[in-house]
Amino acid sequence: MKQFFKTVLAGFLAGVALFVLPFFLVRVFVFFLLIGAIFKLMGGRRRGMHHYAFAHNYKNMSEEERANFMKNYRGRCYSHYTEPKTSEPNTNQTNP
């Protein structure tokens, strides 16, 4: 008799789990969908959007501008592009 109740209880718990599981999975799916939408609205995936604009600028450079750019580029990312340093001393500073 005790074995019968264990089997009925196991079947009942399995039935409840199978009934509740789809609702739980839908909630988890909706939760991650909302979190993904929030990150997308906040600009989480905009890292590569201006790649073609840079290529357009590079194509339209003259040979002198392109040579100057490559000299200052030094193999780093475009965001670290440095302006050419001038070798002229700053005449606005006064020496003490």
C-alpha atoms as a PDB file:
ATOM      1  CA  MET A   1       0.000   0.000   0.000  1.00  0.00           C
ATOM      2  CA  LYS A   2       2.857   2.379   0.850  1.00  0.00           C
ATOM      3  CA  GLN A   3       4.440   1.737  -2.561  1.00  0.00           C
ATOM      4  CA  PHE A   4       1.128   2.620  -4.229  1.00  0.00           C
ATOM      5  CA  PHE A   5       1.022   6.058  -2.556  1.00  0.00           C
ATOM      6  CA  LYS A   6       4.654   6.744  -3.534  1.00  0.00           C
ATOM      7  CA  THR A   7       3.814   5.926  -7.145  1.00  0.00           C
ATOM      8  CA  VAL A   8       0.695   8.113  -7.085  1.00  0.00           C
ATOM      9  CA  LEU A   9       2.634  10.972  -5.454  1.00  0.00           C
ATOM     10  CA  ALA A  10       5.447  10.694  -8.023  1.00  0.00           C
ATOM     11  CA  GLY A  11       2.911  10.705 -10.871  1.00  0.00           C
ATOM     12  CA  PHE A  12       1.113  13.694  -9.369  1.00  0.00           C
ATOM     13  CA  LEU A  13       4.368  15.659  -8.983  1.00  0.00           C
ATOM     14  CA  ALA A  14       5.428  14.780 -12.525  1.00  0.00           C
ATOM     15  CA  GLY A  15       2.022  15.917 -13.838  1.00  0.00           C
ATOM     16  CA  VAL A  16       2.215  19.203 -11.938  1.00  0.00           C
ATOM     17  CA  ALA A  17       5.782  19.778 -13.195  1.00  0.00           C
ATOM     18  CA  LEU A  18       4.732  19.107 -16.792  1.00  0.00           C
ATOM     19  CA  PHE A  19       1.773  21.448 -16.374  1.00  0.00           C
ATOM     20  CA  VAL A  20       3.756  24.304 -14.746  1.00  0.00           C
ATOM     21  CA  LEU A  21       6.943  23.984 -16.826  1.00  0.00           C
ATOM     22  CA  PRO A  22       5.616  25.695 -19.992  1.00  0.00           C
ATOM     23  CA  PHE A  23       4.404  28.694 -17.970  1.00  0.00           C
ATOM     24  CA  PHE A  24       7.783  28.936 -16.274  1.00  0.00           C
ATOM     25  CA  LEU A  25       9.647  28.683 -19.595  1.00  0.00           C
ATOM     26  CA  VAL A  26       7.442  31.367 -21.141  1.00  0.00           C
ATOM     27  CA  ARG A  27       8.172  33.680 -18.220  1.00  0.00           C
ATOM     28  CA  VAL A  28      11.926  33.093 -18.509  1.00  0.00           C
ATOM     29  CA  PHE A  29      11.782  33.670 -22.276  1.00  0.00           C
ATOM     30  CA  VAL A  30       9.803  36.911 -21.878  1.00  0.00           C
ATOM     31  CA  PHE A  31      12.201  38.078 -19.150  1.00  0.00           C
ATOM     32  CA  PHE A  32      15.285  37.630 -21.365  1.00  0.00           C
ATOM     33  CA  LEU A  33      13.439  39.145 -24.313  1.00  0.00           C
ATOM     34  CA  LEU A  34      12.681  42.278 -22.279  1.00  0.00           C
ATOM     35  CA  ILE A  35      16.241  42.526 -20.949  1.00  0.00           C
ATOM     36  CA  GLY A  36      17.583  42.221 -24.512  1.00  0.00           C
ATOM     37  CA  ALA A  37      15.178  44.910 -25.725  1.00  0.00           C
ATOM     38  CA  ILE A  38      16.270  47.253 -22.934  1.00  0.00           C
ATOM     39  CA  PHE A  39      19.957  46.804 -23.826  1.00  0.00           C
ATOM     40  CA  LYS A  40      19.201  47.304 -27.498  1.00  0.00           C
ATOM     41  CA  LEU A  41      17.283  50.517 -26.774  1.00  0.00           C
ATOM     42  CA  MET A  42      20.182  51.771 -24.672  1.00  0.00           C
ATOM     43  CA  GLY A  43      22.569  51.270 -27.599  1.00  0.00           C
ATOM     44  CA  GLY A  44      24.225  48.023 -26.588  1.00  0.00           C
ATOM     45  CA  ARG A  45      24.940  46.850 -30.145  1.00  0.00           C
ATOM     46  CA  ARG A  46      26.047  49.992 -31.969  1.00  0.00           C
ATOM     47  CA  ARG A  47      29.750  49.275 -32.062  1.00  0.00           C
ATOM     48  CA  GLY A  48      30.189  48.662 -35.777  1.00  0.00           C
ATOM     49  CA  MET A  49      27.762  51.134 -37.297  1.00  0.00           C
ATOM     50  CA  HIS A  50      30.277  53.739 -38.544  1.00  0.00           C
ATOM     51  CA  HIS A  51      32.676  51.343 -40.239  1.00  0.00           C
ATOM     52  CA  TYR A  52      31.526  52.184 -43.765  1.00  0.00           C
ATOM     53  CA  ALA A  53      31.535  55.919 -43.102  1.00  0.00           C
ATOM     54  CA  PHE A  54      35.229  55.632 -42.242  1.00  0.00           C
ATOM     55  CA  ALA A  55      35.896  53.663 -45.437  1.00  0.00           C
ATOM     56  CA  HIS A  56      34.136  56.387 -47.443  1.00  0.00           C
ATOM     57  CA  ASN A  57      36.323  59.071 -45.832  1.00  0.00           C
ATOM     58  CA  TYR A  58      39.467  57.036 -46.490  1.00  0.00           C
ATOM     59  CA  LYS A  59      38.601  56.540 -50.153  1.00  0.00           C
ATOM     60  CA  ASN A  60      37.996  60.265 -50.634  1.00  0.00           C
ATOM     61  CA  MET A  61      41.326  61.326 -49.128  1.00  0.00           C
ATOM     62  CA  SER A  62      44.027  62.704 -51.379  1.00  0.00           C
ATOM     63  CA  GLU A  63      47.384  60.908 -51.498  1.00  0.00           C
ATOM     64  CA  GLU A  64      48.929  63.495 -49.167  1.00  0.00           C
ATOM     65  CA  GLU A  65      46.080  63.227 -46.649  1.00  0.00           C
ATOM     66  CA  ARG A  66      46.217  59.427 -46.787  1.00  0.00           C
ATOM     67  CA  ALA A  67      50.009  59.406 -46.253  1.00  0.00           C
ATOM     68  CA  ASN A  68      49.657  61.842 -43.343  1.00  0.00           C
ATOM     69  CA  PHE A  69      46.872  59.751 -41.840  1.00  0.00           C
ATOM     70  CA  MET A  70      48.864  56.519 -42.111  1.00  0.00           C
ATOM     71  CA  LYS A  71      51.904  58.218 -40.564  1.00  0.00           C
ATOM     72  CA  ASN A  72      49.837  59.309 -37.558  1.00  0.00           C
ATOM     73  CA  TYR A  73      47.764  56.113 -37.425  1.00  0.00           C
ATOM     74  CA  ARG A  74      50.720  53.903 -36.393  1.00  0.00           C
ATOM     75  CA  GLY A  75      48.660  50.670 -36.558  1.00  0.00           C
ATOM     76  CA  ARG A  76      46.281  51.631 -33.767  1.00  0.00           C
ATOM     77  CA  CYS A  77      42.518  51.815 -33.796  1.00  0.00           C
ATOM     78  CA  TYR A  78      40.999  54.783 -35.580  1.00  0.00           C
ATOM     79  CA  SER A  79      39.672  56.155 -32.294  1.00  0.00           C
ATOM     80  CA  HIS A  80      43.284  56.639 -31.143  1.00  0.00           C
ATOM     81  CA  TYR A  81      44.261  58.685 -34.174  1.00  0.00           C
ATOM     82  CA  THR A  82      46.592  61.464 -33.109  1.00  0.00           C
ATOM     83  CA  GLU A  83      46.832  64.831 -34.749  1.00  0.00           C
ATOM     84  CA  PRO A  84      50.246  65.706 -36.139  1.00  0.00           C
ATOM     85  CA  LYS A  85      52.501  67.275 -33.538  1.00  0.00           C
ATOM     86  CA  THR A  86      53.916  70.630 -34.443  1.00  0.00           C
ATOM     87  CA  SER A  87      57.584  71.187 -33.739  1.00  0.00           C
ATOM     88  CA  GLU A  88      57.103  74.921 -33.280  1.00  0.00           C
ATOM     89  CA  PRO A  89      57.709  76.102 -29.731  1.00  0.00           C
ATOM     90  CA  ASN A  90      54.841  77.778 -27.985  1.00  0.00           C
ATOM     91  CA  THR A  91      55.656  81.486 -27.858  1.00  0.00           C
ATOM     92  CA  ASN A  92      52.779  82.372 -25.539  1.00  0.00           C
ATOM     93  CA  GLN A  93      54.475  80.958 -22.443  1.00  0.00           C
ATOM     94  CA  THR A  94      56.711  83.168 -20.408  1.00  0.00           C
ATOM     95  CA  ASN A  95      59.882  81.875 -18.798  1.00  0.00           C
ATOM     96  CA  PRO A  96      60.230  82.718 -15.094  1.00  0.00           C
END
